[in-house]
Amino acid sequence: MLHLYWPSTATDDAASPPAPVSPLVHWKDAGHDWLLVVDQATHELVVYDANDGRPLQRVGTVSGAGPIDSIFGEGNWLIATSQQHPLVQVLSLPGLQPVTLAAR
């Protein structure tokens, strides 16, 4: 199951409840069971083993991904956004490498 952590920029009607958000994405395939969590203090993505909770790696500006404030998982892709960086970043899973999307 994948969860969304995406800050809303639209103005919501006062009568409608806020959309539920989660600070993590749970991603699993045949060889991985990960919790991907945004560290709000450092604007990095932290990958944890979902079975035992141990941290596996950090992804952010130092690794070439840029600052990360929110994430969304879809299949083998992780979409990351930042208020500091105007572009949406796409990272491949499980490699967590930035992906350049080809224009049509």
Protein backbone atom coordinates (compact mmCIF):
# COMPACT_ATOMS: atom_id res chain seq x y z
CA MET A 1 0.00 0.00 0.00
CA LEU A 2 1.35 3.42 -0.92
CA HIS A 3 0.49 6.63 0.89
CA LEU A 4 0.56 10.24 -0.16
CA TYR A 5 2.21 13.12 1.63
CA TRP A 6 1.47 16.12 -0.54
CA PRO A 7 0.95 19.62 0.81
CA SER A 8 -2.21 21.18 -0.53
CA THR A 9 -1.83 24.46 -2.38
CA ALA A 10 -5.49 24.83 -3.27
CA THR A 11 -7.83 26.77 -1.03
CA ASP A 12 -10.26 24.36 0.55
CA ASP A 13 -13.91 25.06 1.26
CA ALA A 14 -14.37 25.59 5.00
CA ALA A 15 -17.05 22.87 5.06
CA SER A 16 -14.84 20.18 3.53
CA PRO A 17 -12.44 18.28 5.82
CA PRO A 18 -8.73 18.42 4.99
CA ALA A 19 -7.36 15.57 2.87
CA PRO A 20 -5.59 12.89 4.95
CA VAL A 21 -1.82 12.88 4.55
CA SER A 22 0.89 10.48 5.63
CA PRO A 23 4.56 11.30 6.22
CA LEU A 24 5.71 8.06 4.56
CA VAL A 25 5.41 5.67 1.64
CA HIS A 26 5.47 1.91 2.17
CA TRP A 27 7.08 0.22 -0.85
CA LYS A 28 7.53 -3.50 -1.32
CA ASP A 29 8.72 -5.81 -4.07
CA ALA A 30 10.18 -9.34 -4.14
CA GLY A 31 13.46 -8.25 -2.50
CA HIS A 32 12.57 -5.11 -0.54
CA ASP A 33 10.14 -4.00 2.15
CA TRP A 34 10.78 -0.32 2.78
CA LEU A 35 9.34 2.64 4.59
CA LEU A 36 10.34 5.85 2.80
CA VAL A 37 10.06 8.86 5.11
CA VAL A 38 10.70 12.56 4.51
CA ASP A 39 13.00 14.11 7.14
CA GLN A 40 11.49 17.59 7.38
CA ALA A 41 14.55 18.97 9.21
CA THR A 42 17.05 18.07 6.47
CA HIS A 43 14.73 17.83 3.43
CA GLU A 44 16.02 14.33 2.76
CA LEU A 45 14.36 11.01 2.12
CA VAL A 46 15.20 8.34 4.69
CA VAL A 47 14.76 4.69 3.76
CA TYR A 48 14.01 2.24 6.58
CA ASP A 49 13.68 -1.53 6.56
CA ALA A 50 9.95 -2.07 7.19
CA ASN A 51 10.61 -5.35 9.01
CA ASP A 52 13.04 -4.19 11.70
CA GLY A 53 13.04 -0.38 11.45
CA ARG A 54 16.76 0.03 10.77
CA PRO A 55 17.75 2.95 8.54
CA LEU A 56 19.15 1.84 5.18
CA GLN A 57 20.02 5.08 3.38
CA ARG A 58 19.41 8.81 3.03
CA VAL A 59 18.64 10.52 -0.26
CA GLY A 60 18.76 14.26 -0.82
CA THR A 61 20.85 17.11 -2.17
CA VAL A 62 24.17 15.39 -1.46
CA SER A 63 23.12 12.33 -3.50
CA GLY A 64 21.90 14.46 -6.42
CA ALA A 65 18.17 14.22 -5.76
CA GLY A 66 17.70 17.76 -4.45
CA PRO A 67 15.69 18.84 -1.43
CA ILE A 68 12.58 16.76 -0.64
CA ASP A 69 9.51 17.95 1.27
CA SER A 70 6.80 15.54 0.11
CA ILE A 71 6.61 12.16 -1.61
CA PHE A 72 4.14 10.00 -3.49
CA GLY A 73 4.71 6.42 -4.63
CA GLU A 74 3.36 4.86 -7.80
CA GLY A 75 4.61 1.42 -8.81
CA ASN A 76 8.40 1.55 -9.14
CA TRP A 77 8.48 5.35 -9.10
CA LEU A 78 8.73 7.78 -6.23
CA ILE A 79 7.61 11.33 -6.99
CA ALA A 80 9.19 13.98 -4.76
CA THR A 81 8.49 17.70 -4.47
CA SER A 82 10.04 20.55 -2.57
CA GLN A 83 9.01 24.10 -1.77
CA GLN A 84 12.68 25.08 -2.32
CA HIS A 85 12.94 23.43 -5.75
CA PRO A 86 10.34 24.24 -8.43
CA LEU A 87 10.57 20.95 -10.34
CA VAL A 88 8.97 17.62 -9.50
CA GLN A 89 11.59 14.91 -9.06
CA VAL A 90 11.03 11.31 -10.11
CA LEU A 91 13.16 8.61 -8.47
CA SER A 92 13.29 5.00 -9.62
CA LEU A 93 12.73 2.25 -7.09
CA PRO A 94 14.62 0.38 -5.72
CA GLY A 95 17.68 2.33 -6.98
CA LEU A 96 16.39 5.73 -5.78
CA GLN A 97 18.17 7.36 -8.71
CA PRO A 98 16.77 10.56 -10.25
CA VAL A 99 15.04 9.84 -13.57
CA THR A 100 14.93 12.22 -16.51
CA LEU A 101 11.61 11.99 -18.30
CA ALA A 102 11.73 12.28 -22.09
CA ALA A 103 9.57 14.92 -23.72
CA ARG A 104 7.26 13.79 -26.51
